[in-house]
Each structure stands twice: as C-alpha cells, then as structure tokens.
C-alpha cells in the first residue's frame, strides 16, 4: 500500500510548481485518512461504477487541494 501512496504522491508532486513544498510537507495525512483513500482505490478496481464515482471524487478533491495551495501561496 505504501508503494501506491508513493506513486500518487509522486504524481501530485510533478503537477505542483517546484518552488512550493509538497502537500505532505505542509500537512501530512493522518494514517486513518491515508488508509481510507487506499481502501477506496482498492475497492474500485473490481467495481467499475464505484471506480467512476471514486475518480470523480478524487478529481474534485485534487482540484480543491490545488485551489487551496494556490490560495495559500504568497
């Protein structure tokens, strides 16, 4: 599971400007939240409908994270 999380973190880091710290450096996810995200992803692999819903939720969450990061930057 840590490997999946590292891949997701790497993808997000590639999308952020180099001058800004990564989200993990700013506020690391609590272990329970991290596990919930990983479980959501693993469940979606076998359920196409759930997978689409999770993808929409993940995209919305990513947009919110990026908007918050841009709002916080000087």
PDB file of N, CA and C in Angstrom:
ATOM      1  N   UNK A   1       0.811  -1.190   0.000  1.00  0.00           N
ATOM      2  CA  UNK A   1       0.000   0.000   0.000  1.00  0.00           C
ATOM      3  C   UNK A   1       0.858   1.259   0.000  1.00  0.00           C
ATOM      4  N   UNK A   2       2.000   1.194   0.671  1.00  0.00           N
ATOM      5  CA  UNK A   2       2.884   2.358   0.679  1.00  0.00           C
ATOM      6  C   UNK A   2       3.392   2.673  -0.720  1.00  0.00           C
ATOM      7  N   UNK A   3       3.586   1.638  -1.523  1.00  0.00           N
ATOM      8  CA  UNK A   3       4.052   1.851  -2.895  1.00  0.00           C
ATOM      9  C   UNK A   3       3.021   2.645  -3.696  1.00  0.00           C
ATOM     10  N   UNK A   4       1.756   2.299  -3.532  1.00  0.00           N
ATOM     11  CA  UNK A   4       0.683   3.026  -4.224  1.00  0.00           C
ATOM     12  C   UNK A   4       0.662   4.475  -3.766  1.00  0.00           C
ATOM     13  N   UNK A   5       0.783   4.687  -2.462  1.00  0.00           N
ATOM     14  CA  UNK A   5       0.768   6.046  -1.923  1.00  0.00           C
ATOM     15  C   UNK A   5       1.959   6.849  -2.455  1.00  0.00           C
ATOM     16  N   UNK A   6       3.128   6.215  -2.545  1.00  0.00           N
ATOM     17  CA  UNK A   6       4.308   6.913  -3.084  1.00  0.00           C
ATOM     18  C   UNK A   6       4.075   7.315  -4.534  1.00  0.00           C
ATOM     19  N   UNK A   7       3.463   6.427  -5.320  1.00  0.00           N
ATOM     20  CA  UNK A   7       3.178   6.754  -6.721  1.00  0.00           C
ATOM     21  C   UNK A   7       2.219   7.929  -6.817  1.00  0.00           C
ATOM     22  N   UNK A   8       1.151   7.911  -6.010  1.00  0.00           N
ATOM     23  CA  UNK A   8       0.191   9.016  -6.020  1.00  0.00           C
ATOM     24  C   UNK A   8       0.857  10.322  -5.590  1.00  0.00           C
ATOM     25  N   UNK A   9       1.690  10.257  -4.576  1.00  0.00           N
ATOM     26  CA  UNK A   9       2.401  11.450  -4.113  1.00  0.00           C
ATOM     27  C   UNK A   9       3.327  11.979  -5.199  1.00  0.00           C
ATOM     28  N   UNK A  10       4.001  11.070  -5.900  1.00  0.00           N
ATOM     29  CA  UNK A  10       4.897  11.476  -6.985  1.00  0.00           C
ATOM     30  C   UNK A  10       4.157  12.169  -8.103  1.00  0.00           C
ATOM     31  N   UNK A  11       2.974  11.659  -8.431  1.00  0.00           N
ATOM     32  CA  UNK A  11       2.168  12.283  -9.485  1.00  0.00           C
ATOM     33  C   UNK A  11       1.767  13.688  -9.068  1.00  0.00           C
ATOM     34  N   UNK A  12       1.328  13.837  -7.827  1.00  0.00           N
ATOM     35  CA  UNK A  12       0.921  15.161  -7.350  1.00  0.00           C
ATOM     36  C   UNK A  12       2.112  16.114  -7.293  1.00  0.00           C
ATOM     37  N   UNK A  13       3.275  15.618  -6.893  1.00  0.00           N
ATOM     38  CA  UNK A  13       4.462  16.472  -6.830  1.00  0.00           C
ATOM     39  C   UNK A  13       4.853  16.965  -8.214  1.00  0.00           C
ATOM     40  N   UNK A  14       4.688  16.118  -9.232  1.00  0.00           N
ATOM     41  CA  UNK A  14       5.023  16.515 -10.598  1.00  0.00           C
ATOM     42  C   UNK A  14       4.129  17.636 -11.092  1.00  0.00           C
ATOM     43  N   UNK A  15       2.922  17.718 -10.577  1.00  0.00           N
ATOM     44  CA  UNK A  15       1.975  18.742 -11.020  1.00  0.00           C
ATOM     45  C   UNK A  15       2.153  20.063 -10.282  1.00  0.00           C
ATOM     46  N   UNK A  16       2.804  20.058  -9.143  1.00  0.00           N
ATOM     47  CA  UNK A  16       2.992  21.275  -8.359  1.00  0.00           C
ATOM     48  C   UNK A  16       4.246  22.006  -8.831  1.00  0.00           C
ATOM     49  N   UNK A  17       4.229  23.341  -8.765  1.00  0.00           N
ATOM     50  CA  UNK A  17       5.445  24.094  -9.089  1.00  0.00           C
ATOM     51  C   UNK A  17       6.581  23.705  -8.137  1.00  0.00           C
ATOM     52  N   UNK A  18       7.787  23.696  -8.641  1.00  0.00           N
ATOM     53  CA  UNK A  18       8.944  23.241  -7.868  1.00  0.00           C
ATOM     54  C   UNK A  18       9.219  24.124  -6.658  1.00  0.00           C
ATOM     55  N   UNK A  19       8.846  25.393  -6.706  1.00  0.00           N
ATOM     56  CA  UNK A  19       9.154  26.306  -5.614  1.00  0.00           C
ATOM     57  C   UNK A  19       8.272  26.093  -4.391  1.00  0.00           C
ATOM     58  N   UNK A  20       7.160  25.384  -4.534  1.00  0.00           N
ATOM     59  CA  UNK A  20       6.262  25.162  -3.411  1.00  0.00           C
ATOM     60  C   UNK A  20       6.545  23.814  -2.766  1.00  0.00           C
ATOM     61  N   UNK A  21       6.421  23.735  -1.433  1.00  0.00           N
ATOM     62  CA  UNK A  21       6.576  22.432  -0.777  1.00  0.00           C
ATOM     63  C   UNK A  21       5.400  21.531  -1.134  1.00  0.00           C
ATOM     64  N   UNK A  22       5.640  20.235  -1.096  1.00  0.00           N
ATOM     65  CA  UNK A  22       4.566  19.291  -1.411  1.00  0.00           C
ATOM     66  C   UNK A  22       3.506  19.330  -0.317  1.00  0.00           C
ATOM     67  N   UNK A  23       2.342  18.798  -0.621  1.00  0.00           N
ATOM     68  CA  UNK A  23       1.250  18.779   0.354  1.00  0.00           C
ATOM     69  C   UNK A  23       1.657  17.978   1.589  1.00  0.00           C
ATOM     70  N   UNK A  24       2.387  16.878   1.386  1.00  0.00           N
ATOM     71  CA  UNK A  24       2.829  16.064   2.519  1.00  0.00           C
ATOM     72  C   UNK A  24       3.745  16.848   3.447  1.00  0.00           C
ATOM     73  N   UNK A  25       4.589  17.706   2.884  1.00  0.00           N
ATOM     74  CA  UNK A  25       5.483  18.505   3.705  1.00  0.00           C
ATOM     75  C   UNK A  25       4.707  19.558   4.491  1.00  0.00           C
ATOM     76  N   UNK A  26       3.647  20.093   3.885  1.00  0.00           N
ATOM     77  CA  UNK A  26       2.866  21.133   4.541  1.00  0.00           C
ATOM     78  C   UNK A  26       1.977  20.550   5.641  1.00  0.00           C
ATOM     79  N   UNK A  27       1.225  19.519   5.351  1.00  0.00           N
ATOM     80  CA  UNK A  27       0.348  18.883   6.328  1.00  0.00           C
ATOM     81  C   UNK A  27       0.146  17.415   5.958  1.00  0.00           C
ATOM     82  N   UNK A  28       0.915  16.523   6.565  1.00  0.00           N
ATOM     83  CA  UNK A  28       0.812  15.103   6.233  1.00  0.00           C
ATOM     84  C   UNK A  28      -0.573  14.552   6.578  1.00  0.00           C
ATOM     85  N   UNK A  29      -1.030  13.590   5.774  1.00  0.00           N
ATOM     86  CA  UNK A  29      -2.317  12.954   6.033  1.00  0.00           C
ATOM     87  C   UNK A  29      -2.210  12.053   7.256  1.00  0.00           C
ATOM     88  N   UNK A  30      -3.217  12.095   8.108  1.00  0.00           N
ATOM     89  CA  UNK A  30      -3.226  11.148   9.229  1.00  0.00           C
ATOM     90  C   UNK A  30      -3.331   9.722   8.690  1.00  0.00           C
ATOM     91  N   UNK A  31      -2.764   8.751   9.390  1.00  0.00           N
ATOM     92  CA  UNK A  31      -2.784   7.367   8.897  1.00  0.00           C
ATOM     93  C   UNK A  31      -4.185   6.855   8.560  1.00  0.00           C
ATOM     94  N   UNK A  32      -5.204   7.190   9.350  1.00  0.00           N
ATOM     95  CA  UNK A  32      -6.560   6.701   9.072  1.00  0.00           C
ATOM     96  C   UNK A  32      -7.069   7.243   7.745  1.00  0.00           C
ATOM     97  N   UNK A  33      -6.799   8.510   7.469  1.00  0.00           N
ATOM     98  CA  UNK A  33      -7.261   9.110   6.221  1.00  0.00           C
ATOM     99  C   UNK A  33      -6.525   8.472   5.039  1.00  0.00           C
ATOM    100  N   UNK A  34      -5.236   8.243   5.214  1.00  0.00           N
ATOM    101  CA  UNK A  34      -4.425   7.614   4.173  1.00  0.00           C
ATOM    102  C   UNK A  34      -4.959   6.216   3.864  1.00  0.00           C
ATOM    103  N   UNK A  35      -5.263   5.454   4.904  1.00  0.00           N
ATOM    104  CA  UNK A  35      -5.782   4.101   4.714  1.00  0.00           C
ATOM    105  C   UNK A  35      -7.151   4.132   4.034  1.00  0.00           C
ATOM    106  N   UNK A  36      -7.990   5.096   4.405  1.00  0.00           N
ATOM    107  CA  UNK A  36      -9.316   5.190   3.793  1.00  0.00           C
ATOM    108  C   UNK A  36      -9.195   5.451   2.297  1.00  0.00           C
ATOM    109  N   UNK A  37      -8.266   6.327   1.917  1.00  0.00           N
ATOM    110  CA  UNK A  37      -8.053   6.607   0.498  1.00  0.00           C
ATOM    111  C   UNK A  37      -7.560   5.367  -0.242  1.00  0.00           C
ATOM    112  N   UNK A  38      -6.642   4.644   0.362  1.00  0.00           N
ATOM    113  CA  UNK A  38      -6.115   3.439  -0.276  1.00  0.00           C
ATOM    114  C   UNK A  38      -7.189   2.358  -0.390  1.00  0.00           C
ATOM    115  N   UNK A  39      -8.022   2.215   0.631  1.00  0.00           N
ATOM    116  CA  UNK A  39      -9.107   1.237   0.564  1.00  0.00           C
ATOM    117  C   UNK A  39     -10.109   1.609  -0.511  1.00  0.00           C
ATOM    118  N   UNK A  40     -10.388   2.895  -0.647  1.00  0.00           N
ATOM    119  CA  UNK A  40     -11.321   3.344  -1.673  1.00  0.00           C
ATOM    120  C   UNK A  40     -10.787   2.977  -3.054  1.00  0.00           C
ATOM    121  N   UNK A  41      -9.505   3.162  -3.266  1.00  0.00           N
ATOM    122  CA  UNK A  41      -8.893   2.832  -4.552  1.00  0.00           C
ATOM    123  C   UNK A  41      -8.924   1.325  -4.788  1.00  0.00           C
ATOM    124  N   UNK A  42      -8.575   0.531  -3.790  1.00  0.00           N
ATOM    125  CA  UNK A  42      -8.528  -0.921  -3.983  1.00  0.00           C
ATOM    126  C   UNK A  42      -9.919  -1.496  -4.225  1.00  0.00           C
ATOM    127  N   UNK A  43     -10.945  -0.966  -3.590  1.00  0.00           N
ATOM    128  CA  UNK A  43     -12.309  -1.447  -3.811  1.00  0.00           C
ATOM    129  C   UNK A  43     -12.778  -1.111  -5.217  1.00  0.00           C
ATOM    130  N   UNK A  44     -12.342   0.017  -5.723  1.00  0.00           N
ATOM    131  CA  UNK A  44     -12.823   0.464  -7.031  1.00  0.00           C
ATOM    132  C   UNK A  44     -12.284  -0.388  -8.181  1.00  0.00           C
ATOM    133  N   UNK A  45     -11.189  -1.098  -7.957  1.00  0.00           N
ATOM    134  CA  UNK A  45     -10.607  -1.901  -9.026  1.00  0.00           C
ATOM    135  C   UNK A  45     -11.561  -2.988  -9.507  1.00  0.00           C
ATOM    136  N   UNK A  46     -12.407  -3.504  -8.626  1.00  0.00           N
ATOM    137  CA  UNK A  46     -13.311  -4.584  -9.014  1.00  0.00           C
ATOM    138  C   UNK A  46     -14.731  -4.102  -9.293  1.00  0.00           C
ATOM    139  N   UNK A  47     -15.005  -2.833  -9.084  1.00  0.00           N
ATOM    140  CA  UNK A  47     -16.348  -2.307  -9.280  1.00  0.00           C
ATOM    141  C   UNK A  47     -16.289  -1.076 -10.184  1.00  0.00           C
ATOM    142  N   UNK A  48     -16.600  -1.237 -11.489  1.00  0.00           N
ATOM    143  CA  UNK A  48     -16.482  -0.116 -12.431  1.00  0.00           C
ATOM    144  C   UNK A  48     -17.304   1.116 -12.054  1.00  0.00           C
ATOM    145  N   UNK A  49     -18.528   0.931 -11.563  1.00  0.00           N
ATOM    146  CA  UNK A  49     -19.358   2.078 -11.190  1.00  0.00           C
ATOM    147  C   UNK A  49     -18.732   2.830 -10.027  1.00  0.00           C
ATOM    148  N   UNK A  50     -18.301   2.088  -9.035  1.00  0.00           N
ATOM    149  CA  UNK A  50     -17.651   2.703  -7.880  1.00  0.00           C
ATOM    150  C   UNK A  50     -16.365   3.376  -8.321  1.00  0.00           C
ATOM    151  N   UNK A  51     -15.664   2.762  -9.251  1.00  0.00           N
ATOM    152  CA  UNK A  51     -14.417   3.327  -9.752  1.00  0.00           C
ATOM    153  C   UNK A  51     -14.668   4.698 -10.376  1.00  0.00           C
ATOM    154  N   UNK A  52     -15.707   4.826 -11.175  1.00  0.00           N
ATOM    155  CA  UNK A  52     -16.018   6.124 -11.792  1.00  0.00           C
ATOM    156  C   UNK A  52     -16.377   7.161 -10.734  1.00  0.00           C
ATOM    157  N   UNK A  53     -17.154   6.749  -9.739  1.00  0.00           N
ATOM    158  CA  UNK A  53     -17.526   7.670  -8.666  1.00  0.00           C
ATOM    159  C   UNK A  53     -16.298   8.107  -7.882  1.00  0.00           C
ATOM    160  N   UNK A  54     -15.424   7.165  -7.581  1.00  0.00           N
ATOM    161  CA  UNK A  54     -14.207   7.486  -6.840  1.00  0.00           C
ATOM    162  C   UNK A  54     -13.298   8.397  -7.648  1.00  0.00           C
ATOM    163  N   UNK A  55     -13.250   8.176  -8.955  1.00  0.00           N
ATOM    164  CA  UNK A  55     -12.435   9.021  -9.816  1.00  0.00           C
ATOM    165  C   UNK A  55     -12.959  10.451  -9.795  1.00  0.00           C
ATOM    166  N   UNK A  56     -14.281  10.602  -9.868  1.00  0.00           N
ATOM    167  CA  UNK A  56     -14.875  11.944  -9.797  1.00  0.00           C
ATOM    168  C   UNK A  56     -14.554  12.603  -8.460  1.00  0.00           C
ATOM    169  N   UNK A  57     -14.673  11.839  -7.383  1.00  0.00           N
ATOM    170  CA  UNK A  57     -14.374  12.378  -6.057  1.00  0.00           C
ATOM    171  C   UNK A  57     -12.902  12.752  -5.944  1.00  0.00           C
ATOM    172  N   UNK A  58     -12.029  11.909  -6.471  1.00  0.00           N
ATOM    173  CA  UNK A  58     -10.593  12.187  -6.412  1.00  0.00           C
ATOM    174  C   UNK A  58     -10.248  13.434  -7.219  1.00  0.00           C
ATOM    175  N   UNK A  59     -10.873  13.590  -8.387  1.00  0.00           N
ATOM    176  CA  UNK A  59     -10.626  14.786  -9.197  1.00  0.00           C
ATOM    177  C   UNK A  59     -11.101  16.034  -8.468  1.00  0.00           C
ATOM    178  N   UNK A  60     -12.286  15.963  -7.875  1.00  0.00           N
ATOM    179  CA  UNK A  60     -12.814  17.113  -7.133  1.00  0.00           C
ATOM    180  C   UNK A  60     -11.900  17.440  -5.956  1.00  0.00           C
ATOM    181  N   UNK A  61     -11.428  16.404  -5.264  1.00  0.00           N
ATOM    182  CA  UNK A  61     -10.531  16.615  -4.125  1.00  0.00           C
ATOM    183  C   UNK A  61      -9.210  17.229  -4.587  1.00  0.00           C
ATOM    184  N   UNK A  62      -8.678  16.754  -5.705  1.00  0.00           N
ATOM    185  CA  UNK A  62      -7.430  17.293  -6.238  1.00  0.00           C
ATOM    186  C   UNK A  62      -7.595  18.756  -6.614  1.00  0.00           C
ATOM    187  N   UNK A  63      -8.717  19.095  -7.256  1.00  0.00           N
ATOM    188  CA  UNK A  63      -8.969  20.494  -7.612  1.00  0.00           C
ATOM    189  C   UNK A  63      -9.030  21.364  -6.365  1.00  0.00           C
ATOM    190  N   UNK A  64      -9.688  20.867  -5.329  1.00  0.00           N
ATOM    191  CA  UNK A  64      -9.784  21.615  -4.074  1.00  0.00           C
ATOM    192  C   UNK A  64      -8.405  21.795  -3.449  1.00  0.00           C
ATOM    193  N   UNK A  65      -7.607  20.719  -3.431  1.00  0.00           N
ATOM    194  CA  UNK A  65      -6.256  20.801  -2.863  1.00  0.00           C
ATOM    195  C   UNK A  65      -5.416  21.823  -3.615  1.00  0.00           C
ATOM    196  N   UNK A  66      -5.464  21.784  -4.942  1.00  0.00           N
ATOM    197  CA  UNK A  66      -4.677  22.715  -5.745  1.00  0.00           C
ATOM    198  C   UNK A  66      -5.156  24.146  -5.544  1.00  0.00           C
ATOM    199  N   UNK A  67      -6.467  24.346  -5.485  1.00  0.00           N
ATOM    200  CA  UNK A  67      -7.003  25.687  -5.257  1.00  0.00           C
ATOM    201  C   UNK A  67      -6.565  26.213  -3.899  1.00  0.00           C
ATOM    202  N   UNK A  68      -6.604  25.363  -2.881  1.00  0.00           N
ATOM    203  CA  UNK A  68      -6.157  25.775  -1.547  1.00  0.00           C
ATOM    204  C   UNK A  68      -4.668  26.089  -1.536  1.00  0.00           C
ATOM    205  N   UNK A  69      -3.884  25.286  -2.228  1.00  0.00           N
ATOM    206  CA  UNK A  69      -2.437  25.522  -2.283  1.00  0.00           C
ATOM    207  C   UNK A  69      -2.132  26.835  -2.989  1.00  0.00           C
ATOM    208  N   UNK A  70      -2.842  27.113  -4.069  1.00  0.00           N
ATOM    209  CA  UNK A  70      -2.631  28.368  -4.788  1.00  0.00           C
ATOM    210  C   UNK A  70      -3.087  29.551  -3.955  1.00  0.00           C
ATOM    211  N   UNK A  71      -4.151  29.371  -3.206  1.00  0.00           N
ATOM    212  CA  UNK A  71      -4.671  30.445  -2.367  1.00  0.00           C
ATOM    213  C   UNK A  71      -3.696  30.777  -1.239  1.00  0.00           C
ATOM    214  N   UNK A  72      -3.011  29.758  -0.709  1.00  0.00           N
ATOM    215  CA  UNK A  72      -2.068  29.955   0.396  1.00  0.00           C
ATOM    216  C   UNK A  72      -0.731  30.520  -0.058  1.00  0.00           C
ATOM    217  N   UNK A  73      -0.387  30.348  -1.323  1.00  0.00           N
ATOM    218  CA  UNK A  73       0.934  30.802  -1.780  1.00  0.00           C
ATOM    219  C   UNK A  73       0.977  32.325  -1.827  1.00  0.00           C
ATOM    220  N   UNK A  74       2.153  32.910  -1.505  1.00  0.00           N
ATOM    221  CA  UNK A  74       2.267  34.386  -1.473  1.00  0.00           C
ATOM    222  C   UNK A  74       2.199  35.006  -2.844  1.00  0.00           C
TER     223      UNK A  74
END
